[in-house]
Amino acid sequence: MDETTYQDQRVRQLIGQQYIAVRVDQDADPALAARYQDYGWPATVVLAADGSEIVKRRGYLSPEAMRRCVRPSSKDPSPGPSVVAEEKSAAASSAFLDPVARTALMATLF
C-alpha cells in the first residue's frame, strides 16, 4: 500500500483534507497489536474524534478502494449505511465442489 495506495495523489489529497493520518507499527505497541490481533495486517482503521471506530478494513486496499472507504465516512462520520459493510467469509465445508457449484463454474469458465 505504501507503493501504490498512499502514493496515489487523489488518496493523499482526500486523506489530507479530511483526516489526520497516523501510521502505527504494531510491533512497537503491544496494546495496539492485542486490540487488532485477530484482524490482520495491514489494517485500515478510521476513528472518530472520540476514538470510536467508523471504518475498519483488513488487507490491501487499492487506491480506488481506499477512496471509496474514506469518502463516505468524511461525509457521515457515524457507522452505518454510509459505510459499506465488509463481506463476511466462511470456511468451506468440503475441499470439493458440489455438483451444482461445479456446473455453474464450468459454465462461467468455458
PDB file of N, CA and C in Angstrom:
ATOM      1  N   MET A   1       0.821  -1.182   0.000  1.00  0.00           N
ATOM      2  CA  MET A   1       0.000   0.000   0.000  1.00  0.00           C
ATOM      3  C   MET A   1       0.870   1.252   0.000  1.00  0.00           C
ATOM      4  N   ASP A   2       2.064   1.158   0.606  1.00  0.00           N
ATOM      5  CA  ASP A   2       2.962   2.308   0.593  1.00  0.00           C
ATOM      6  C   ASP A   2       3.329   2.702  -0.833  1.00  0.00           C
ATOM      7  N   GLU A   3       3.533   1.707  -1.682  1.00  0.00           N
ATOM      8  CA  GLU A   3       3.989   1.968  -3.046  1.00  0.00           C
ATOM      9  C   GLU A   3       2.854   2.287  -4.011  1.00  0.00           C
ATOM     10  N   THR A   4       1.632   1.931  -3.678  1.00  0.00           N
ATOM     11  CA  THR A   4       0.517   2.150  -4.599  1.00  0.00           C
ATOM     12  C   THR A   4      -0.526   3.086  -3.993  1.00  0.00           C
ATOM     13  N   THR A   5      -1.243   2.634  -3.012  1.00  0.00           N
ATOM     14  CA  THR A   5      -2.379   3.368  -2.467  1.00  0.00           C
ATOM     15  C   THR A   5      -1.979   4.723  -1.896  1.00  0.00           C
ATOM     16  N   TYR A   6      -0.978   4.750  -1.029  1.00  0.00           N
ATOM     17  CA  TYR A   6      -0.607   6.004  -0.385  1.00  0.00           C
ATOM     18  C   TYR A   6       0.219   6.911  -1.279  1.00  0.00           C
ATOM     19  N   GLN A   7       0.628   6.428  -2.442  1.00  0.00           N
ATOM     20  CA  GLN A   7       1.309   7.273  -3.407  1.00  0.00           C
ATOM     21  C   GLN A   7       0.333   7.890  -4.407  1.00  0.00           C
ATOM     22  N   ASP A   8      -0.909   7.423  -4.415  1.00  0.00           N
ATOM     23  CA  ASP A   8      -1.936   7.946  -5.312  1.00  0.00           C
ATOM     24  C   ASP A   8      -2.300   9.369  -4.881  1.00  0.00           C
ATOM     25  N   GLN A   9      -2.179  10.316  -5.803  1.00  0.00           N
ATOM     26  CA  GLN A   9      -2.404  11.727  -5.476  1.00  0.00           C
ATOM     27  C   GLN A   9      -3.821  11.984  -4.968  1.00  0.00           C
ATOM     28  N   ARG A  10      -4.811  11.316  -5.536  1.00  0.00           N
ATOM     29  CA  ARG A  10      -6.198  11.538  -5.100  1.00  0.00           C
ATOM     30  C   ARG A  10      -6.418  11.003  -3.686  1.00  0.00           C
ATOM     31  N   VAL A  11      -5.796   9.869  -3.358  1.00  0.00           N
ATOM     32  CA  VAL A  11      -5.895   9.330  -1.992  1.00  0.00           C
ATOM     33  C   VAL A  11      -5.220  10.286  -1.018  1.00  0.00           C
ATOM     34  N   ARG A  12      -4.043  10.730  -1.365  1.00  0.00           N
ATOM     35  CA  ARG A  12      -3.299  11.645  -0.483  1.00  0.00           C
ATOM     36  C   ARG A  12      -4.076  12.944  -0.256  1.00  0.00           C
ATOM     37  N   GLN A  13      -4.684  13.457  -1.312  1.00  0.00           N
ATOM     38  CA  GLN A  13      -5.437  14.694  -1.193  1.00  0.00           C
ATOM     39  C   GLN A  13      -6.672  14.502  -0.319  1.00  0.00           C
ATOM     40  N   LEU A  14      -7.411  13.433  -0.549  1.00  0.00           N
ATOM     41  CA  LEU A  14      -8.612  13.168   0.240  1.00  0.00           C
ATOM     42  C   LEU A  14      -8.280  12.973   1.717  1.00  0.00           C
ATOM     43  N   ILE A  15      -7.271  12.174   1.997  1.00  0.00           N
ATOM     44  CA  ILE A  15      -6.876  11.953   3.389  1.00  0.00           C
ATOM     45  C   ILE A  15      -6.376  13.253   4.018  1.00  0.00           C
ATOM     46  N   GLY A  16      -5.567  14.004   3.272  1.00  0.00           N
ATOM     47  CA  GLY A  16      -5.013  15.250   3.794  1.00  0.00           C
ATOM     48  C   GLY A  16      -6.057  16.309   4.093  1.00  0.00           C
ATOM     49  N   GLN A  17      -7.145  16.332   3.323  1.00  0.00           N
ATOM     50  CA  GLN A  17      -8.184  17.328   3.528  1.00  0.00           C
ATOM     51  C   GLN A  17      -9.144  16.954   4.644  1.00  0.00           C
ATOM     52  N   GLN A  18      -9.339  15.678   4.889  1.00  0.00           N
ATOM     53  CA  GLN A  18     -10.400  15.236   5.789  1.00  0.00           C
ATOM     54  C   GLN A  18      -9.915  14.595   7.085  1.00  0.00           C
ATOM     55  N   TYR A  19      -8.674  14.161   7.140  1.00  0.00           N
ATOM     56  CA  TYR A  19      -8.233  13.320   8.246  1.00  0.00           C
ATOM     57  C   TYR A  19      -6.863  13.738   8.766  1.00  0.00           C
ATOM     58  N   ILE A  20      -6.533  13.205   9.921  1.00  0.00           N
ATOM     59  CA  ILE A  20      -5.175  13.251  10.439  1.00  0.00           C
ATOM     60  C   ILE A  20      -4.654  11.830  10.289  1.00  0.00           C
ATOM     61  N   ALA A  21      -3.724  11.642   9.379  1.00  0.00           N
ATOM     62  CA  ALA A  21      -3.215  10.299   9.084  1.00  0.00           C
ATOM     63  C   ALA A  21      -2.147   9.911  10.098  1.00  0.00           C
ATOM     64  N   VAL A  22      -2.264   8.699  10.612  1.00  0.00           N
ATOM     65  CA  VAL A  22      -1.296   8.176  11.573  1.00  0.00           C
ATOM     66  C   VAL A  22      -0.930   6.770  11.128  1.00  0.00           C
ATOM     67  N   ARG A  23       0.345   6.529  11.010  1.00  0.00           N
ATOM     68  CA  ARG A  23       0.819   5.189  10.686  1.00  0.00           C
ATOM     69  C   ARG A  23       1.378   4.593  11.968  1.00  0.00           C
ATOM     70  N   VAL A  24       0.926   3.395  12.298  1.00  0.00           N
ATOM     71  CA  VAL A  24       1.301   2.783  13.566  1.00  0.00           C
ATOM     72  C   VAL A  24       1.983   1.453  13.300  1.00  0.00           C
ATOM     73  N   ASP A  25       3.067   1.213  14.018  1.00  0.00           N
ATOM     74  CA  ASP A  25       3.792  -0.048  13.923  1.00  0.00           C
ATOM     75  C   ASP A  25       3.287  -0.955  15.041  1.00  0.00           C
ATOM     76  N   GLN A  26       2.587  -2.009  14.667  1.00  0.00           N
ATOM     77  CA  GLN A  26       2.005  -2.896  15.679  1.00  0.00           C
ATOM     78  C   GLN A  26       3.071  -3.540  16.557  1.00  0.00           C
ATOM     79  N   ASP A  27       4.270  -3.762  16.026  1.00  0.00           N
ATOM     80  CA  ASP A  27       5.327  -4.383  16.821  1.00  0.00           C
ATOM     81  C   ASP A  27       5.818  -3.461  17.929  1.00  0.00           C
ATOM     82  N   ALA A  28       5.676  -2.164  17.733  1.00  0.00           N
ATOM     83  CA  ALA A  28       6.144  -1.206  18.725  1.00  0.00           C
ATOM     84  C   ALA A  28       5.094  -0.900  19.787  1.00  0.00           C
ATOM     85  N   ASP A  29       3.871  -1.349  19.572  1.00  0.00           N
ATOM     86  CA  ASP A  29       2.793  -1.034  20.507  1.00  0.00           C
ATOM     87  C   ASP A  29       2.008  -2.302  20.848  1.00  0.00           C
ATOM     88  N   PRO A  30       2.352  -2.985  21.930  1.00  0.00           N
ATOM     89  CA  PRO A  30       1.682  -4.228  22.293  1.00  0.00           C
ATOM     90  C   PRO A  30       0.172  -4.083  22.494  1.00  0.00           C
ATOM     91  N   ALA A  31      -0.279  -2.938  23.014  1.00  0.00           N
ATOM     92  CA  ALA A  31      -1.719  -2.740  23.213  1.00  0.00           C
ATOM     93  C   ALA A  31      -2.446  -2.696  21.873  1.00  0.00           C
ATOM     94  N   LEU A  32      -1.858  -2.032  20.909  1.00  0.00           N
ATOM     95  CA  LEU A  32      -2.457  -1.976  19.577  1.00  0.00           C
ATOM     96  C   LEU A  32      -2.452  -3.358  18.938  1.00  0.00           C
ATOM     97  N   ALA A  33      -1.350  -4.061  19.058  1.00  0.00           N
ATOM     98  CA  ALA A  33      -1.260  -5.411  18.498  1.00  0.00           C
ATOM     99  C   ALA A  33      -2.319  -6.323  19.108  1.00  0.00           C
ATOM    100  N   ALA A  34      -2.542  -6.199  20.411  1.00  0.00           N
ATOM    101  CA  ALA A  34      -3.551  -7.023  21.081  1.00  0.00           C
ATOM    102  C   ALA A  34      -4.958  -6.654  20.629  1.00  0.00           C
ATOM    103  N   ARG A  35      -5.206  -5.366  20.447  1.00  0.00           N
ATOM    104  CA  ARG A  35      -6.541  -4.905  20.047  1.00  0.00           C
ATOM    105  C   ARG A  35      -6.941  -5.443  18.674  1.00  0.00           C
ATOM    106  N   TYR A  36      -5.995  -5.490  17.747  1.00  0.00           N
ATOM    107  CA  TYR A  36      -6.306  -5.903  16.378  1.00  0.00           C
ATOM    108  C   TYR A  36      -5.667  -7.237  15.994  1.00  0.00           C
ATOM    109  N   GLN A  37      -5.271  -8.058  16.947  1.00  0.00           N
ATOM    110  CA  GLN A  37      -4.557  -9.293  16.651  1.00  0.00           C
ATOM    111  C   GLN A  37      -5.335 -10.245  15.760  1.00  0.00           C
ATOM    112  N   ASP A  38      -6.630 -10.306  15.915  1.00  0.00           N
ATOM    113  CA  ASP A  38      -7.438 -11.197  15.091  1.00  0.00           C
ATOM    114  C   ASP A  38      -7.835 -10.562  13.768  1.00  0.00           C
ATOM    115  N   TYR A  39      -7.489  -9.308  13.594  1.00  0.00           N
ATOM    116  CA  TYR A  39      -7.932  -8.587  12.414  1.00  0.00           C
ATOM    117  C   TYR A  39      -6.972  -8.731  11.240  1.00  0.00           C
ATOM    118  N   GLY A  40      -5.703  -8.834  11.499  1.00  0.00           N
ATOM    119  CA  GLY A  40      -4.716  -8.983  10.433  1.00  0.00           C
ATOM    120  C   GLY A  40      -4.105  -7.665  10.014  1.00  0.00           C
ATOM    121  N   TRP A  41      -3.004  -7.780   9.280  1.00  0.00           N
ATOM    122  CA  TRP A  41      -2.282  -6.590   8.828  1.00  0.00           C
ATOM    123  C   TRP A  41      -1.990  -6.724   7.352  1.00  0.00           C
ATOM    124  N   PRO A  42      -2.027  -5.689   6.556  1.00  0.00           N
ATOM    125  CA  PRO A  42      -2.309  -4.338   7.008  1.00  0.00           C
ATOM    126  C   PRO A  42      -3.779  -4.168   7.344  1.00  0.00           C
ATOM    127  N   ALA A  43      -4.051  -3.198   8.176  1.00  0.00           N
ATOM    128  CA  ALA A  43      -5.428  -2.851   8.527  1.00  0.00           C
ATOM    129  C   ALA A  43      -5.589  -1.348   8.337  1.00  0.00           C
ATOM    130  N   THR A  44      -6.734  -0.946   7.838  1.00  0.00           N
ATOM    131  CA  THR A  44      -7.063   0.469   7.695  1.00  0.00           C
ATOM    132  C   THR A  44      -8.221   0.737   8.639  1.00  0.00           C
ATOM    133  N   VAL A  45      -7.988   1.628   9.587  1.00  0.00           N
ATOM    134  CA  VAL A  45      -8.999   1.953  10.585  1.00  0.00           C
ATOM    135  C   VAL A  45      -9.199   3.462  10.581  1.00  0.00           C
ATOM    136  N   VAL A  46     -10.453   3.887  10.483  1.00  0.00           N
ATOM    137  CA  VAL A  46     -10.802   5.302  10.557  1.00  0.00           C
ATOM    138  C   VAL A  46     -11.516   5.501  11.882  1.00  0.00           C
ATOM    139  N   LEU A  47     -10.988   6.415  12.682  1.00  0.00           N
ATOM    140  CA  LEU A  47     -11.547   6.684  14.004  1.00  0.00           C
ATOM    141  C   LEU A  47     -12.231   8.043  14.031  1.00  0.00           C
ATOM    142  N   ALA A  48     -13.288   8.145  14.804  1.00  0.00           N
ATOM    143  CA  ALA A  48     -13.941   9.424  15.064  1.00  0.00           C
ATOM    144  C   ALA A  48     -13.125  10.166  16.111  1.00  0.00           C
ATOM    145  N   ALA A  49     -13.473  11.415  16.344  1.00  0.00           N
ATOM    146  CA  ALA A  49     -12.748  12.225  17.323  1.00  0.00           C
ATOM    147  C   ALA A  49     -12.771  11.615  18.712  1.00  0.00           C
ATOM    148  N   ASP A  50     -13.827  10.854  19.039  1.00  0.00           N
ATOM    149  CA  ASP A  50     -13.917  10.234  20.363  1.00  0.00           C
ATOM    150  C   ASP A  50     -13.198   8.883  20.445  1.00  0.00           C
ATOM    151  N   GLY A  51     -12.570   8.471  19.360  1.00  0.00           N
ATOM    152  CA  GLY A  51     -11.825   7.216  19.342  1.00  0.00           C
ATOM    153  C   GLY A  51     -12.627   6.016  18.902  1.00  0.00           C
ATOM    154  N   SER A  52     -13.914   6.191  18.643  1.00  0.00           N
ATOM    155  CA  SER A  52     -14.720   5.062  18.167  1.00  0.00           C
ATOM    156  C   SER A  52     -14.378   4.754  16.710  1.00  0.00           C
ATOM    157  N   GLU A  53     -14.491   3.486  16.355  1.00  0.00           N
ATOM    158  CA  GLU A  53     -14.155   3.057  15.005  1.00  0.00           C
ATOM    159  C   GLU A  53     -15.320   3.330  14.061  1.00  0.00           C
ATOM    160  N   ILE A  54     -15.030   4.014  12.972  1.00  0.00           N
ATOM    161  CA  ILE A  54     -16.031   4.302  11.950  1.00  0.00           C
ATOM    162  C   ILE A  54     -15.907   3.288  10.821  1.00  0.00           C
ATOM    163  N   VAL A  55     -14.673   3.051  10.394  1.00  0.00           N
ATOM    164  CA  VAL A  55     -14.381   2.120   9.304  1.00  0.00           C
ATOM    165  C   VAL A  55     -13.222   1.241   9.750  1.00  0.00           C
ATOM    166  N   LYS A  56     -13.321  -0.042   9.443  1.00  0.00           N
ATOM    167  CA  LYS A  56     -12.222  -0.959   9.749  1.00  0.00           C
ATOM    168  C   LYS A  56     -12.147  -1.957   8.596  1.00  0.00           C
ATOM    169  N   ARG A  57     -11.041  -1.967   7.879  1.00  0.00           N
ATOM    170  CA  ARG A  57     -10.858  -2.867   6.745  1.00  0.00           C
ATOM    171  C   ARG A  57      -9.557  -3.629   6.913  1.00  0.00           C
ATOM    172  N   ARG A  58      -9.595  -4.887   6.532  1.00  0.00           N
ATOM    173  CA  ARG A  58      -8.384  -5.704   6.623  1.00  0.00           C
ATOM    174  C   ARG A  58      -7.781  -5.883   5.241  1.00  0.00           C
ATOM    175  N   GLY A  59      -6.471  -6.045   5.214  1.00  0.00           N
ATOM    176  CA  GLY A  59      -5.778  -6.360   3.971  1.00  0.00           C
ATOM    177  C   GLY A  59      -5.521  -5.164   3.075  1.00  0.00           C
ATOM    178  N   TYR A  60      -4.980  -5.470   1.927  1.00  0.00           N
ATOM    179  CA  TYR A  60      -4.609  -4.452   0.942  1.00  0.00           C
ATOM    180  C   TYR A  60      -5.838  -3.739   0.394  1.00  0.00           C
ATOM    181  N   LEU A  61      -5.755  -2.421   0.300  1.00  0.00           N
ATOM    182  CA  LEU A  61      -6.789  -1.618  -0.352  1.00  0.00           C
ATOM    183  C   LEU A  61      -6.148  -0.900  -1.535  1.00  0.00           C
ATOM    184  N   SER A  62      -6.693  -1.088  -2.718  1.00  0.00           N
ATOM    185  CA  SER A  62      -6.215  -0.369  -3.894  1.00  0.00           C
ATOM    186  C   SER A  62      -6.535   1.112  -3.711  1.00  0.00           C
ATOM    187  N   PRO A  63      -5.943   1.983  -4.527  1.00  0.00           N
ATOM    188  CA  PRO A  63      -6.282   3.403  -4.404  1.00  0.00           C
ATOM    189  C   PRO A  63      -7.784   3.667  -4.523  1.00  0.00           C
ATOM    190  N   GLU A  64      -8.450   3.028  -5.481  1.00  0.00           N
ATOM    191  CA  GLU A  64      -9.894   3.239  -5.649  1.00  0.00           C
ATOM    192  C   GLU A  64     -10.662   2.738  -4.431  1.00  0.00           C
ATOM    193  N   ALA A  65     -10.292   1.579  -3.913  1.00  0.00           N
ATOM    194  CA  ALA A  65     -10.969   1.042  -2.727  1.00  0.00           C
ATOM    195  C   ALA A  65     -10.748   1.951  -1.521  1.00  0.00           C
ATOM    196  N   MET A  66      -9.576   2.520  -1.392  1.00  0.00           N
ATOM    197  CA  MET A  66      -9.299   3.437  -0.282  1.00  0.00           C
ATOM    198  C   MET A  66     -10.149   4.694  -0.406  1.00  0.00           C
ATOM    199  N   ARG A  67     -10.269   5.226  -1.617  1.00  0.00           N
ATOM    200  CA  ARG A  67     -11.106   6.417  -1.802  1.00  0.00           C
ATOM    201  C   ARG A  67     -12.563   6.119  -1.461  1.00  0.00           C
ATOM    202  N   ARG A  68     -13.054   4.947  -1.879  1.00  0.00           N
ATOM    203  CA  ARG A  68     -14.434   4.562  -1.542  1.00  0.00           C
ATOM    204  C   ARG A  68     -14.591   4.378  -0.040  1.00  0.00           C
ATOM    205  N   CYS A  69     -13.562   3.917   0.617  1.00  0.00           N
ATOM    206  CA  CYS A  69     -13.611   3.644   2.054  1.00  0.00           C
ATOM    207  C   CYS A  69     -13.656   4.934   2.870  1.00  0.00           C
ATOM    208  N   VAL A  70     -12.828   5.899   2.548  1.00  0.00           N
ATOM    209  CA  VAL A  70     -12.740   7.095   3.383  1.00  0.00           C
ATOM    210  C   VAL A  70     -13.695   8.208   2.958  1.00  0.00           C
ATOM    211  N   ARG A  71     -14.121   8.233   1.717  1.00  0.00           N
ATOM    212  CA  ARG A  71     -15.021   9.307   1.267  1.00  0.00           C
ATOM    213  C   ARG A  71     -16.353   9.292   2.011  1.00  0.00           C
ATOM    214  N   PRO A  72     -17.041   8.151   2.130  1.00  0.00           N
ATOM    215  CA  PRO A  72     -18.328   8.175   2.853  1.00  0.00           C
ATOM    216  C   PRO A  72     -18.195   8.579   4.312  1.00  0.00           C
ATOM    217  N   SER A  73     -17.130   8.142   4.981  1.00  0.00           N
ATOM    218  CA  SER A  73     -17.015   8.458   6.404  1.00  0.00           C
ATOM    219  C   SER A  73     -16.711   9.930   6.634  1.00  0.00           C
ATOM    220  N   SER A  74     -16.153  10.617   5.630  1.00  0.00           N
ATOM    221  CA  SER A  74     -15.922  12.050   5.809  1.00  0.00           C
ATOM    222  C   SER A  74     -17.223  12.823   5.703  1.00  0.00           C
ATOM    223  N   LYS A  75     -18.202  12.280   4.972  1.00  0.00           N
ATOM    224  CA  LYS A  75     -19.496  12.943   4.832  1.00  0.00           C
ATOM    225  C   LYS A  75     -20.425  12.608   5.993  1.00  0.00           C
ATOM    226  N   ASP A  76     -20.335  11.393   6.506  1.00  0.00           N
ATOM    227  CA  ASP A  76     -21.178  10.945   7.611  1.00  0.00           C
ATOM    228  C   ASP A  76     -20.305  10.139   8.555  1.00  0.00           C
ATOM    229  N   PRO A  77     -19.760  10.765   9.586  1.00  0.00           N
ATOM    230  CA  PRO A  77     -18.795  10.082  10.442  1.00  0.00           C
ATOM    231  C   PRO A  77     -19.378   9.093  11.441  1.00  0.00           C
ATOM    232  N   SER A  78     -20.597   8.656  11.224  1.00  0.00           N
ATOM    233  CA  SER A  78     -21.153   7.647  12.115  1.00  0.00           C
ATOM    234  C   SER A  78     -21.203   6.310  11.398  1.00  0.00           C
ATOM    235  N   PRO A  79     -20.894   5.229  12.098  1.00  0.00           N
ATOM    236  CA  PRO A  79     -21.004   3.923  11.450  1.00  0.00           C
ATOM    237  C   PRO A  79     -22.453   3.704  11.013  1.00  0.00           C
ATOM    238  N   GLY A  80     -22.630   3.118   9.906  1.00  0.00           N
ATOM    239  CA  GLY A  80     -23.992   2.867   9.448  1.00  0.00           C
ATOM    240  C   GLY A  80     -24.061   2.747   7.945  1.00  0.00           C
ATOM    241  N   PRO A  81     -25.189   3.144   7.359  1.00  0.00           N
ATOM    242  CA  PRO A  81     -25.416   2.923   5.934  1.00  0.00           C
ATOM    243  C   PRO A  81     -24.411   3.629   5.025  1.00  0.00           C
ATOM    244  N   SER A  82     -23.784   4.703   5.503  1.00  0.00           N
ATOM    245  CA  SER A  82     -22.836   5.409   4.644  1.00  0.00           C
ATOM    246  C   SER A  82     -21.528   4.647   4.488  1.00  0.00           C
ATOM    247  N   VAL A  83     -21.303   3.647   5.319  1.00  0.00           N
ATOM    248  CA  VAL A  83     -20.086   2.850   5.266  1.00  0.00           C
ATOM    249  C   VAL A  83     -20.438   1.468   4.740  1.00  0.00           C
ATOM    250  N   VAL A  84     -19.760   1.057   3.682  1.00  0.00           N
ATOM    251  CA  VAL A  84     -20.031  -0.243   3.073  1.00  0.00           C
ATOM    252  C   VAL A  84     -19.582  -1.338   4.032  1.00  0.00           C
ATOM    253  N   ALA A  85     -20.447  -2.270   4.311  1.00  0.00           N
ATOM    254  CA  ALA A  85     -20.132  -3.363   5.230  1.00  0.00           C
ATOM    255  C   ALA A  85     -19.102  -4.299   4.606  1.00  0.00           C
ATOM    256  N   GLU A  86     -18.253  -4.811   5.439  1.00  0.00           N
ATOM    257  CA  GLU A  86     -17.245  -5.761   4.987  1.00  0.00           C
ATOM    258  C   GLU A  86     -17.902  -7.095   4.671  1.00  0.00           C
ATOM    259  N   GLU A  87     -17.473  -7.704   3.582  1.00  0.00           N
ATOM    260  CA  GLU A  87     -18.021  -9.005   3.218  1.00  0.00           C
ATOM    261  C   GLU A  87     -17.522 -10.065   4.197  1.00  0.00           C
ATOM    262  N   LYS A  88     -18.421 -10.909   4.641  1.00  0.00           N
ATOM    263  CA  LYS A  88     -18.066 -11.984   5.563  1.00  0.00           C
ATOM    264  C   LYS A  88     -17.639 -13.206   4.764  1.00  0.00           C
ATOM    265  N   SER A  89     -16.697 -13.930   5.283  1.00  0.00           N
ATOM    266  CA  SER A  89     -16.275 -15.168   4.636  1.00  0.00           C
ATOM    267  C   SER A  89     -16.442 -16.314   5.625  1.00  0.00           C
ATOM    268  N   ALA A  90     -16.644 -17.483   5.089  1.00  0.00           N
ATOM    269  CA  ALA A  90     -16.828 -18.657   5.935  1.00  0.00           C
ATOM    270  C   ALA A  90     -15.978 -19.793   5.392  1.00  0.00           C
ATOM    271  N   ALA A  91     -15.561 -20.660   6.260  1.00  0.00           N
ATOM    272  CA  ALA A  91     -14.772 -21.811   5.847  1.00  0.00           C
ATOM    273  C   ALA A  91     -15.636 -22.767   5.036  1.00  0.00           C
ATOM    274  N   ALA A  92     -15.027 -23.389   4.055  1.00  0.00           N
ATOM    275  CA  ALA A  92     -15.758 -24.360   3.239  1.00  0.00           C
ATOM    276  C   ALA A  92     -16.038 -25.612   4.055  1.00  0.00           C
ATOM    277  N   SER A  93     -17.152 -26.242   3.763  1.00  0.00           N
ATOM    278  CA  SER A  93     -17.484 -27.473   4.477  1.00  0.00           C
ATOM    279  C   SER A  93     -16.763 -28.669   3.865  1.00  0.00           C
ATOM    280  N   SER A  94     -16.249 -28.488   2.638  1.00  0.00           N
ATOM    281  CA  SER A  94     -15.548 -29.574   1.958  1.00  0.00           C
ATOM    282  C   SER A  94     -14.517 -28.980   1.009  1.00  0.00           C
ATOM    283  N   ALA A  95     -13.489 -29.728   0.709  1.00  0.00           N
ATOM    284  CA  ALA A  95     -12.484 -29.287  -0.253  1.00  0.00           C
ATOM    285  C   ALA A  95     -12.955 -29.499  -1.684  1.00  0.00           C
ATOM    286  N   PHE A  96     -14.073 -30.162  -1.870  1.00  0.00           N
ATOM    287  CA  PHE A  96     -14.590 -30.480  -3.195  1.00  0.00           C
ATOM    288  C   PHE A  96     -15.828 -29.647  -3.504  1.00  0.00           C
ATOM    289  N   LEU A  97     -15.993 -29.276  -4.764  1.00  0.00           N
ATOM    290  CA  LEU A  97     -17.192 -28.542  -5.185  1.00  0.00           C
ATOM    291  C   LEU A  97     -18.378 -29.480  -5.267  1.00  0.00           C
ATOM    292  N   ASP A  98     -19.519 -28.983  -4.841  1.00  0.00           N
ATOM    293  CA  ASP A  98     -20.716 -29.800  -5.013  1.00  0.00           C
ATOM    294  C   ASP A  98     -21.108 -29.751  -6.495  1.00  0.00           C
ATOM    295  N   PRO A  99     -21.898 -30.675  -6.984  1.00  0.00           N
ATOM    296  CA  PRO A  99     -22.223 -30.743  -8.408  1.00  0.00           C
ATOM    297  C   PRO A  99     -22.846 -29.465  -8.974  1.00  0.00           C
ATOM    298  N   VAL A 100     -23.697 -28.792  -8.215  1.00  0.00           N
ATOM    299  CA  VAL A 100     -24.333 -27.567  -8.702  1.00  0.00           C
ATOM    300  C   VAL A 100     -23.287 -26.465  -8.880  1.00  0.00           C
ATOM    301  N   ALA A 101     -22.413 -26.306  -7.885  1.00  0.00           N
ATOM    302  CA  ALA A 101     -21.373 -25.280  -7.969  1.00  0.00           C
ATOM    303  C   ALA A 101     -20.399 -25.602  -9.104  1.00  0.00           C
ATOM    304  N   ARG A 102     -20.047 -26.868  -9.282  1.00  0.00           N
ATOM    305  CA  ARG A 102     -19.140 -27.283 -10.358  1.00  0.00           C
ATOM    306  C   ARG A 102     -19.739 -26.940 -11.713  1.00  0.00           C
ATOM    307  N   THR A 103     -21.024 -27.237 -11.913  1.00  0.00           N
ATOM    308  CA  THR A 103     -21.696 -26.945 -13.194  1.00  0.00           C
ATOM    309  C   THR A 103     -21.725 -25.442 -13.458  1.00  0.00           C
ATOM    310  N   ALA A 104     -22.035 -24.668 -12.447  1.00  0.00           N
ATOM    311  CA  ALA A 104     -22.075 -23.205 -12.602  1.00  0.00           C
ATOM    312  C   ALA A 104     -20.694 -22.656 -12.925  1.00  0.00           C
ATOM    313  N   LEU A 105     -19.672 -23.158 -12.259  1.00  0.00           N
ATOM    314  CA  LEU A 105     -18.305 -22.728 -12.510  1.00  0.00           C
ATOM    315  C   LEU A 105     -17.850 -23.072 -13.916  1.00  0.00           C
ATOM    316  N   MET A 106     -18.147 -24.285 -14.339  1.00  0.00           N
ATOM    317  CA  MET A 106     -17.760 -24.733 -15.686  1.00  0.00           C
ATOM    318  C   MET A 106     -18.472 -23.874 -16.750  1.00  0.00           C
ATOM    319  N   ALA A 107     -19.727 -23.539 -16.515  1.00  0.00           N
ATOM    320  CA  ALA A 107     -20.481 -22.698 -17.470  1.00  0.00           C
ATOM    321  C   ALA A 107     -19.880 -21.304 -17.538  1.00  0.00           C
ATOM    322  N   THR A 108     -19.384 -20.815 -16.425  1.00  0.00           N
ATOM    323  CA  THR A 108     -18.788 -19.475 -16.398  1.00  0.00           C
ATOM    324  C   THR A 108     -17.432 -19.446 -17.082  1.00  0.00           C
ATOM    325  N   LEU A 109     -16.642 -20.486 -16.861  1.00  0.00           N
ATOM    326  CA  LEU A 109     -15.271 -20.505 -17.380  1.00  0.00           C
ATOM    327  C   LEU A 109     -15.173 -20.957 -18.834  1.00  0.00           C
ATOM    328  N   PHE A 110     -16.066 -21.801 -19.278  1.00  0.00           N
ATOM    329  CA  PHE A 110     -15.919 -22.356 -20.634  1.00  0.00           C
ATOM    330  C   PHE A 110     -17.081 -22.075 -21.482  1.00  0.00           C
TER     331      PHE A 110
END
